[in-house]
């Protein structure tokens, strides 16, 4: 059973990305980030969760005043990518 990378707080609901057999972690995170980038925020907080070797991890980002959707999404992608450096996702 795969442990997906999941982002919530999006206009059309969750974006959840399962690991593909033989796929590198970098490619998996990249696919998830591309999917998130193609959406729109549904509010003022985005949260991404994943499972690392140390258990469930979560990173939340709050929208800054007057921040555009695009900037907010990109900042959140950077936030969770930074969080995955010490706690990389495992399938």
PDB file of N, CA and C in Angstrom:
ATOM      1  N   UNK A   1       0.844  -1.187   0.000  1.00  0.00           N
ATOM      2  CA  UNK A   1       0.000   0.000   0.000  1.00  0.00           C
ATOM      3  C   UNK A   1       0.882   1.239   0.000  1.00  0.00           C
ATOM      4  N   UNK A   2       0.611   2.132  -0.904  1.00  0.00           N
ATOM      5  CA  UNK A   2       1.396   3.348  -1.051  1.00  0.00           C
ATOM      6  C   UNK A   2       0.977   4.395  -0.024  1.00  0.00           C
ATOM      7  N   UNK A   3       1.939   5.200   0.398  1.00  0.00           N
ATOM      8  CA  UNK A   3       1.681   6.366   1.242  1.00  0.00           C
ATOM      9  C   UNK A   3       1.713   7.588   0.336  1.00  0.00           C
ATOM     10  N   UNK A   4       0.558   8.128  -0.040  1.00  0.00           N
ATOM     11  CA  UNK A   4       0.558   9.250  -0.978  1.00  0.00           C
ATOM     12  C   UNK A   4       1.067  10.537  -0.333  1.00  0.00           C
ATOM     13  N   UNK A   5       1.484  11.464  -1.186  1.00  0.00           N
ATOM     14  CA  UNK A   5       1.720  12.850  -0.784  1.00  0.00           C
ATOM     15  C   UNK A   5       0.395  13.550  -1.056  1.00  0.00           C
ATOM     16  N   UNK A   6      -0.125  14.267  -0.075  1.00  0.00           N
ATOM     17  CA  UNK A   6      -1.452  14.863  -0.197  1.00  0.00           C
ATOM     18  C   UNK A   6      -1.424  16.332   0.196  1.00  0.00           C
ATOM     19  N   UNK A   7      -2.058  17.169  -0.626  1.00  0.00           N
ATOM     20  CA  UNK A   7      -2.203  18.589  -0.312  1.00  0.00           C
ATOM     21  C   UNK A   7      -3.679  18.919  -0.191  1.00  0.00           C
ATOM     22  N   UNK A   8      -4.033  19.594   0.909  1.00  0.00           N
ATOM     23  CA  UNK A   8      -5.405  20.026   1.143  1.00  0.00           C
ATOM     24  C   UNK A   8      -5.475  21.550   1.175  1.00  0.00           C
ATOM     25  N   UNK A   9      -6.696  22.066   1.126  1.00  0.00           N
ATOM     26  CA  UNK A   9      -6.916  23.510   1.123  1.00  0.00           C
ATOM     27  C   UNK A   9      -7.077  24.062  -0.279  1.00  0.00           C
ATOM     28  N   UNK A  10      -7.268  23.158  -1.232  1.00  0.00           N
ATOM     29  CA  UNK A  10      -7.401  23.552  -2.631  1.00  0.00           C
ATOM     30  C   UNK A  10      -8.874  23.669  -3.026  1.00  0.00           C
ATOM     31  N   UNK A  11      -9.150  24.511  -3.992  1.00  0.00           N
ATOM     32  CA  UNK A  11     -10.520  24.806  -4.416  1.00  0.00           C
ATOM     33  C   UNK A  11     -11.300  23.548  -4.805  1.00  0.00           C
ATOM     34  N   UNK A  12     -10.672  22.630  -5.513  1.00  0.00           N
ATOM     35  CA  UNK A  12     -11.372  21.426  -5.979  1.00  0.00           C
ATOM     36  C   UNK A  12     -11.106  20.206  -5.110  1.00  0.00           C
ATOM     37  N   UNK A  13     -10.674  20.422  -3.873  1.00  0.00           N
ATOM     38  CA  UNK A  13     -10.446  19.307  -2.953  1.00  0.00           C
ATOM     39  C   UNK A  13      -8.983  18.909  -2.892  1.00  0.00           C
ATOM     40  N   UNK A  14      -8.750  17.709  -2.387  1.00  0.00           N
ATOM     41  CA  UNK A  14      -7.389  17.211  -2.194  1.00  0.00           C
ATOM     42  C   UNK A  14      -6.689  16.897  -3.506  1.00  0.00           C
ATOM     43  N   UNK A  15      -5.379  17.110  -3.510  1.00  0.00           N
ATOM     44  CA  UNK A  15      -4.513  16.560  -4.552  1.00  0.00           C
ATOM     45  C   UNK A  15      -3.669  15.504  -3.854  1.00  0.00           C
ATOM     46  N   UNK A  16      -3.791  14.259  -4.330  1.00  0.00           N
ATOM     47  CA  UNK A  16      -3.083  13.145  -3.718  1.00  0.00           C
ATOM     48  C   UNK A  16      -2.303  12.416  -4.804  1.00  0.00           C
ATOM     49  N   UNK A  17      -1.009  12.196  -4.558  1.00  0.00           N
ATOM     50  CA  UNK A  17      -0.139  11.593  -5.566  1.00  0.00           C
ATOM     51  C   UNK A  17       0.512  10.336  -4.998  1.00  0.00           C
ATOM     52  N   UNK A  18       0.203   9.198  -5.606  1.00  0.00           N
ATOM     53  CA  UNK A  18       0.811   7.929  -5.206  1.00  0.00           C
ATOM     54  C   UNK A  18       2.154   7.745  -5.896  1.00  0.00           C
ATOM     55  N   UNK A  19       3.030   7.033  -5.243  1.00  0.00           N
ATOM     56  CA  UNK A  19       4.335   6.692  -5.795  1.00  0.00           C
ATOM     57  C   UNK A  19       4.162   5.629  -6.881  1.00  0.00           C
ATOM     58  N   UNK A  20       4.842   5.798  -7.992  1.00  0.00           N
ATOM     59  CA  UNK A  20       4.807   4.810  -9.076  1.00  0.00           C
ATOM     60  C   UNK A  20       5.987   3.853  -8.924  1.00  0.00           C
ATOM     61  N   UNK A  21       5.777   2.619  -9.265  1.00  0.00           N
ATOM     62  CA  UNK A  21       6.829   1.606  -9.160  1.00  0.00           C
ATOM     63  C   UNK A  21       8.072   2.037  -9.937  1.00  0.00           C
ATOM     64  N   UNK A  22       9.223   2.004  -9.290  1.00  0.00           N
ATOM     65  CA  UNK A  22      10.484   2.353  -9.935  1.00  0.00           C
ATOM     66  C   UNK A  22      10.768   3.840 -10.005  1.00  0.00           C
ATOM     67  N   UNK A  23       9.856   4.659  -9.522  1.00  0.00           N
ATOM     68  CA  UNK A  23      10.003   6.112  -9.595  1.00  0.00           C
ATOM     69  C   UNK A  23      10.916   6.617  -8.468  1.00  0.00           C
ATOM     70  N   UNK A  24      11.754   7.600  -8.777  1.00  0.00           N
ATOM     71  CA  UNK A  24      12.593   8.201  -7.739  1.00  0.00           C
ATOM     72  C   UNK A  24      11.729   9.094  -6.846  1.00  0.00           C
ATOM     73  N   UNK A  25      12.204   9.345  -5.650  1.00  0.00           N
ATOM     74  CA  UNK A  25      11.491  10.246  -4.734  1.00  0.00           C
ATOM     75  C   UNK A  25      11.385  11.631  -5.354  1.00  0.00           C
ATOM     76  N   UNK A  26      12.464  12.102  -5.973  1.00  0.00           N
ATOM     77  CA  UNK A  26      12.466  13.420  -6.604  1.00  0.00           C
ATOM     78  C   UNK A  26      11.388  13.525  -7.689  1.00  0.00           C
ATOM     79  N   UNK A  27      11.263  12.489  -8.508  1.00  0.00           N
ATOM     80  CA  UNK A  27      10.247  12.494  -9.569  1.00  0.00           C
ATOM     81  C   UNK A  27       8.838  12.468  -8.970  1.00  0.00           C
ATOM     82  N   UNK A  28       8.651  11.696  -7.915  1.00  0.00           N
ATOM     83  CA  UNK A  28       7.362  11.600  -7.242  1.00  0.00           C
ATOM     84  C   UNK A  28       6.950  12.963  -6.675  1.00  0.00           C
ATOM     85  N   UNK A  29       7.859  13.608  -5.961  1.00  0.00           N
ATOM     86  CA  UNK A  29       7.570  14.933  -5.399  1.00  0.00           C
ATOM     87  C   UNK A  29       7.321  15.930  -6.531  1.00  0.00           C
ATOM     88  N   UNK A  30       8.079  15.825  -7.600  1.00  0.00           N
ATOM     89  CA  UNK A  30       7.895  16.713  -8.748  1.00  0.00           C
ATOM     90  C   UNK A  30       6.528  16.565  -9.385  1.00  0.00           C
ATOM     91  N   UNK A  31       6.064  15.326  -9.535  1.00  0.00           N
ATOM     92  CA  UNK A  31       4.722  15.101 -10.089  1.00  0.00           C
ATOM     93  C   UNK A  31       3.656  15.719  -9.188  1.00  0.00           C
ATOM     94  N   UNK A  32       3.836  15.544  -7.876  1.00  0.00           N
ATOM     95  CA  UNK A  32       2.870  16.120  -6.942  1.00  0.00           C
ATOM     96  C   UNK A  32       2.874  17.647  -7.050  1.00  0.00           C
ATOM     97  N   UNK A  33       4.047  18.241  -7.071  1.00  0.00           N
ATOM     98  CA  UNK A  33       4.161  19.700  -7.150  1.00  0.00           C
ATOM     99  C   UNK A  33       3.533  20.245  -8.429  1.00  0.00           C
ATOM    100  N   UNK A  34       3.721  19.556  -9.536  1.00  0.00           N
ATOM    101  CA  UNK A  34       3.103  19.975 -10.797  1.00  0.00           C
ATOM    102  C   UNK A  34       1.583  19.956 -10.680  1.00  0.00           C
ATOM    103  N   UNK A  35       1.041  18.917 -10.062  1.00  0.00           N
ATOM    104  CA  UNK A  35      -0.413  18.829  -9.877  1.00  0.00           C
ATOM    105  C   UNK A  35      -0.927  19.963  -8.984  1.00  0.00           C
ATOM    106  N   UNK A  36      -0.198  20.265  -7.921  1.00  0.00           N
ATOM    107  CA  UNK A  36      -0.602  21.352  -7.020  1.00  0.00           C
ATOM    108  C   UNK A  36      -0.546  22.690  -7.748  1.00  0.00           C
ATOM    109  N   UNK A  37       0.485  22.887  -8.528  1.00  0.00           N
ATOM    110  CA  UNK A  37       0.670  24.148  -9.247  1.00  0.00           C
ATOM    111  C   UNK A  37      -0.458  24.421 -10.243  1.00  0.00           C
ATOM    112  N   UNK A  38      -1.113  23.370 -10.723  1.00  0.00           N
ATOM    113  CA  UNK A  38      -2.183  23.518 -11.706  1.00  0.00           C
ATOM    114  C   UNK A  38      -3.554  23.765 -11.075  1.00  0.00           C
ATOM    115  N   UNK A  39      -3.614  23.892  -9.741  1.00  0.00           N
ATOM    116  CA  UNK A  39      -4.873  24.100  -9.042  1.00  0.00           C
ATOM    117  C   UNK A  39      -4.970  25.541  -8.550  1.00  0.00           C
ATOM    118  N   UNK A  40      -6.008  25.805  -7.769  1.00  0.00           N
ATOM    119  CA  UNK A  40      -6.187  27.106  -7.125  1.00  0.00           C
ATOM    120  C   UNK A  40      -6.469  26.870  -5.647  1.00  0.00           C
ATOM    121  N   UNK A  41      -5.965  27.755  -4.779  1.00  0.00           N
ATOM    122  CA  UNK A  41      -6.270  27.623  -3.362  1.00  0.00           C
ATOM    123  C   UNK A  41      -7.765  27.809  -3.114  1.00  0.00           C
ATOM    124  N   UNK A  42      -8.273  27.097  -2.114  1.00  0.00           N
ATOM    125  CA  UNK A  42      -9.675  27.232  -1.755  1.00  0.00           C
ATOM    126  C   UNK A  42      -9.874  28.131  -0.547  1.00  0.00           C
ATOM    127  N   UNK A  43      -8.784  28.590   0.032  1.00  0.00           N
ATOM    128  CA  UNK A  43      -8.861  29.425   1.225  1.00  0.00           C
ATOM    129  C   UNK A  43      -7.517  30.055   1.498  1.00  0.00           C
ATOM    130  N   UNK A  44      -7.203  30.195   2.780  1.00  0.00           N
ATOM    131  CA  UNK A  44      -5.979  30.894   3.157  1.00  0.00           C
ATOM    132  C   UNK A  44      -4.921  30.013   3.798  1.00  0.00           C
ATOM    133  N   UNK A  45      -5.145  28.689   3.815  1.00  0.00           N
ATOM    134  CA  UNK A  45      -4.156  27.759   4.351  1.00  0.00           C
ATOM    135  C   UNK A  45      -4.054  26.547   3.439  1.00  0.00           C
ATOM    136  N   UNK A  46      -2.826  26.196   3.101  1.00  0.00           N
ATOM    137  CA  UNK A  46      -2.551  24.972   2.352  1.00  0.00           C
ATOM    138  C   UNK A  46      -1.734  24.060   3.252  1.00  0.00           C
ATOM    139  N   UNK A  47      -2.055  22.756   3.221  1.00  0.00           N
ATOM    140  CA  UNK A  47      -1.347  21.784   4.050  1.00  0.00           C
ATOM    141  C   UNK A  47      -0.974  20.577   3.205  1.00  0.00           C
ATOM    142  N   UNK A  48       0.285  20.185   3.267  1.00  0.00           N
ATOM    143  CA  UNK A  48       0.749  18.986   2.583  1.00  0.00           C
ATOM    144  C   UNK A  48       1.220  17.990   3.629  1.00  0.00           C
ATOM    145  N   UNK A  49       0.788  16.736   3.458  1.00  0.00           N
ATOM    146  CA  UNK A  49       1.175  15.665   4.374  1.00  0.00           C
ATOM    147  C   UNK A  49       1.805  14.528   3.581  1.00  0.00           C
ATOM    148  N   UNK A  50       2.725  13.828   4.242  1.00  0.00           N
ATOM    149  CA  UNK A  50       3.376  12.666   3.659  1.00  0.00           C
ATOM    150  C   UNK A  50       3.893  11.796   4.792  1.00  0.00           C
ATOM    151  N   UNK A  51       4.322  10.599   4.446  1.00  0.00           N
ATOM    152  CA  UNK A  51       4.900   9.692   5.426  1.00  0.00           C
ATOM    153  C   UNK A  51       6.389   9.577   5.174  1.00  0.00           C
ATOM    154  N   UNK A  52       7.187   9.823   6.223  1.00  0.00           N
ATOM    155  CA  UNK A  52       8.639   9.639   6.153  1.00  0.00           C
ATOM    156  C   UNK A  52       8.991   8.406   6.982  1.00  0.00           C
ATOM    157  N   UNK A  53      10.258   8.088   7.048  1.00  0.00           N
ATOM    158  CA  UNK A  53      10.700   6.956   7.861  1.00  0.00           C
ATOM    159  C   UNK A  53      10.373   7.174   9.340  1.00  0.00           C
ATOM    160  N   UNK A  54      10.182   8.442   9.738  1.00  0.00           N
ATOM    161  CA  UNK A  54       9.858   8.782  11.126  1.00  0.00           C
ATOM    162  C   UNK A  54       8.366   8.997  11.363  1.00  0.00           C
ATOM    163  N   UNK A  55       7.524   8.647  10.376  1.00  0.00           N
ATOM    164  CA  UNK A  55       6.076   8.787  10.545  1.00  0.00           C
ATOM    165  C   UNK A  55       5.487   9.917   9.724  1.00  0.00           C
ATOM    166  N   UNK A  56       4.274  10.278  10.091  1.00  0.00           N
ATOM    167  CA  UNK A  56       3.516  11.281   9.343  1.00  0.00           C
ATOM    168  C   UNK A  56       4.129  12.666   9.523  1.00  0.00           C
ATOM    169  N   UNK A  57       4.289  13.368   8.409  1.00  0.00           N
ATOM    170  CA  UNK A  57       4.834  14.733   8.405  1.00  0.00           C
ATOM    171  C   UNK A  57       3.790  15.665   7.789  1.00  0.00           C
ATOM    172  N   UNK A  58       3.837  16.925   8.174  1.00  0.00           N
ATOM    173  CA  UNK A  58       2.873  17.896   7.670  1.00  0.00           C
ATOM    174  C   UNK A  58       3.502  19.285   7.641  1.00  0.00           C
ATOM    175  N   UNK A  59       3.232  20.020   6.569  1.00  0.00           N
ATOM    176  CA  UNK A  59       3.673  21.412   6.446  1.00  0.00           C
ATOM    177  C   UNK A  59       2.467  22.236   6.010  1.00  0.00           C
ATOM    178  N   UNK A  60       2.188  23.304   6.754  1.00  0.00           N
ATOM    179  CA  UNK A  60       1.101  24.229   6.413  1.00  0.00           C
ATOM    180  C   UNK A  60       1.677  25.591   6.075  1.00  0.00           C
ATOM    181  N   UNK A  61       1.024  26.260   5.133  1.00  0.00           N
ATOM    182  CA  UNK A  61       1.416  27.605   4.716  1.00  0.00           C
ATOM    183  C   UNK A  61       0.175  28.474   4.739  1.00  0.00           C
ATOM    184  N   UNK A  62       0.278  29.646   5.368  1.00  0.00           N
ATOM    185  CA  UNK A  62      -0.821  30.610   5.391  1.00  0.00           C
ATOM    186  C   UNK A  62      -0.576  31.689   4.357  1.00  0.00           C
ATOM    187  N   UNK A  63      -1.661  32.093   3.709  1.00  0.00           N
ATOM    188  CA  UNK A  63      -1.568  33.139   2.684  1.00  0.00           C
ATOM    189  C   UNK A  63      -1.180  34.470   3.323  1.00  0.00           C
ATOM    190  N   UNK A  64      -0.259  35.164   2.696  1.00  0.00           N
ATOM    191  CA  UNK A  64       0.119  36.513   3.134  1.00  0.00           C
ATOM    192  C   UNK A  64      -0.935  37.505   2.635  1.00  0.00           C
ATOM    193  N   UNK A  65      -1.075  38.656   3.294  1.00  0.00           N
ATOM    194  CA  UNK A  65      -2.037  39.669   2.835  1.00  0.00           C
ATOM    195  C   UNK A  65      -1.786  40.040   1.372  1.00  0.00           C
ATOM    196  N   UNK A  66      -2.852  40.059   0.591  1.00  0.00           N
ATOM    197  CA  UNK A  66      -2.821  40.442  -0.834  1.00  0.00           C
ATOM    198  C   UNK A  66      -1.979  39.519  -1.710  1.00  0.00           C
ATOM    199  N   UNK A  67      -1.655  38.329  -1.230  1.00  0.00           N
ATOM    200  CA  UNK A  67      -0.854  37.389  -2.023  1.00  0.00           C
ATOM    201  C   UNK A  67      -1.707  36.758  -3.122  1.00  0.00           C
ATOM    202  N   UNK A  68      -1.159  36.675  -4.321  1.00  0.00           N
ATOM    203  CA  UNK A  68      -1.892  36.057  -5.430  1.00  0.00           C
ATOM    204  C   UNK A  68      -1.963  34.541  -5.231  1.00  0.00           C
ATOM    205  N   UNK A  69      -2.924  33.906  -5.902  1.00  0.00           N
ATOM    206  CA  UNK A  69      -3.037  32.447  -5.846  1.00  0.00           C
ATOM    207  C   UNK A  69      -1.737  31.780  -6.281  1.00  0.00           C
ATOM    208  N   UNK A  70      -1.174  32.262  -7.389  1.00  0.00           N
ATOM    209  CA  UNK A  70       0.041  31.654  -7.944  1.00  0.00           C
ATOM    210  C   UNK A  70       1.210  31.753  -6.960  1.00  0.00           C
ATOM    211  N   UNK A  71       1.396  32.916  -6.377  1.00  0.00           N
ATOM    212  CA  UNK A  71       2.478  33.106  -5.421  1.00  0.00           C
ATOM    213  C   UNK A  71       2.278  32.240  -4.181  1.00  0.00           C
ATOM    214  N   UNK A  72       1.053  32.167  -3.699  1.00  0.00           N
ATOM    215  CA  UNK A  72       0.719  31.357  -2.531  1.00  0.00           C
ATOM    216  C   UNK A  72       1.020  29.887  -2.797  1.00  0.00           C
ATOM    217  N   UNK A  73       0.587  29.377  -3.945  1.00  0.00           N
ATOM    218  CA  UNK A  73       0.851  27.975  -4.298  1.00  0.00           C
ATOM    219  C   UNK A  73       2.352  27.704  -4.393  1.00  0.00           C
ATOM    220  N   UNK A  74       3.079  28.577  -5.066  1.00  0.00           N
ATOM    221  CA  UNK A  74       4.522  28.370  -5.227  1.00  0.00           C
ATOM    222  C   UNK A  74       5.254  28.445  -3.893  1.00  0.00           C
ATOM    223  N   UNK A  75       4.826  29.352  -3.018  1.00  0.00           N
ATOM    224  CA  UNK A  75       5.459  29.461  -1.704  1.00  0.00           C
ATOM    225  C   UNK A  75       5.197  28.198  -0.877  1.00  0.00           C
ATOM    226  N   UNK A  76       3.976  27.658  -0.998  1.00  0.00           N
ATOM    227  CA  UNK A  76       3.669  26.421  -0.275  1.00  0.00           C
ATOM    228  C   UNK A  76       4.500  25.252  -0.814  1.00  0.00           C
ATOM    229  N   UNK A  77       4.644  25.171  -2.122  1.00  0.00           N
ATOM    230  CA  UNK A  77       5.469  24.105  -2.716  1.00  0.00           C
ATOM    231  C   UNK A  77       6.903  24.203  -2.184  1.00  0.00           C
ATOM    232  N   UNK A  78       7.442  25.401  -2.101  1.00  0.00           N
ATOM    233  CA  UNK A  78       8.788  25.582  -1.538  1.00  0.00           C
ATOM    234  C   UNK A  78       8.828  25.183  -0.070  1.00  0.00           C
ATOM    235  N   UNK A  79       7.780  25.548   0.683  1.00  0.00           N
ATOM    236  CA  UNK A  79       7.726  25.207   2.106  1.00  0.00           C
ATOM    237  C   UNK A  79       7.747  23.697   2.322  1.00  0.00           C
ATOM    238  N   UNK A  80       6.882  22.962   1.607  1.00  0.00           N
ATOM    239  CA  UNK A  80       6.867  21.513   1.848  1.00  0.00           C
ATOM    240  C   UNK A  80       8.089  20.832   1.245  1.00  0.00           C
ATOM    241  N   UNK A  81       8.626  21.384   0.164  1.00  0.00           N
ATOM    242  CA  UNK A  81       9.857  20.810  -0.398  1.00  0.00           C
ATOM    243  C   UNK A  81      10.996  20.936   0.613  1.00  0.00           C
ATOM    244  N   UNK A  82      11.084  22.082   1.278  1.00  0.00           N
ATOM    245  CA  UNK A  82      12.093  22.265   2.331  1.00  0.00           C
ATOM    246  C   UNK A  82      11.868  21.273   3.473  1.00  0.00           C
ATOM    247  N   UNK A  83      10.612  21.032   3.826  1.00  0.00           N
ATOM    248  CA  UNK A  83      10.294  20.087   4.887  1.00  0.00           C
ATOM    249  C   UNK A  83      10.625  18.655   4.547  1.00  0.00           C
ATOM    250  N   UNK A  84      10.671  18.360   3.251  1.00  0.00           N
ATOM    251  CA  UNK A  84      10.962  16.988   2.818  1.00  0.00           C
ATOM    252  C   UNK A  84      12.455  16.689   2.768  1.00  0.00           C
ATOM    253  N   UNK A  85      13.285  17.709   2.860  1.00  0.00           N
ATOM    254  CA  UNK A  85      14.739  17.466   2.831  1.00  0.00           C
ATOM    255  C   UNK A  85      15.163  16.610   4.028  1.00  0.00           C
ATOM    256  N   UNK A  86      14.816  17.002   5.264  1.00  0.00           N
ATOM    257  CA  UNK A  86      15.223  16.166   6.398  1.00  0.00           C
ATOM    258  C   UNK A  86      14.312  14.953   6.620  1.00  0.00           C
ATOM    259  N   UNK A  87      13.099  15.004   6.068  1.00  0.00           N
ATOM    260  CA  UNK A  87      12.118  13.926   6.261  1.00  0.00           C
ATOM    261  C   UNK A  87      11.532  13.508   4.905  1.00  0.00           C
ATOM    262  N   UNK A  88      12.330  12.873   4.046  1.00  0.00           N
ATOM    263  CA  UNK A  88      11.824  12.551   2.706  1.00  0.00           C
ATOM    264  C   UNK A  88      10.661  11.566   2.753  1.00  0.00           C
ATOM    265  N   UNK A  89       9.735  11.723   1.797  1.00  0.00           N
ATOM    266  CA  UNK A  89       8.607  10.799   1.748  1.00  0.00           C
ATOM    267  C   UNK A  89       9.057   9.386   1.374  1.00  0.00           C
ATOM    268  N   UNK A  90       8.349   8.413   1.928  1.00  0.00           N
ATOM    269  CA  UNK A  90       8.587   7.012   1.559  1.00  0.00           C
ATOM    270  C   UNK A  90       7.292   6.456   0.993  1.00  0.00           C
ATOM    271  N   UNK A  91       7.383   5.588  -0.002  1.00  0.00           N
ATOM    272  CA  UNK A  91       6.173   5.020  -0.601  1.00  0.00           C
ATOM    273  C   UNK A  91       5.405   4.126   0.349  1.00  0.00           C
TER     274      UNK A  91
END
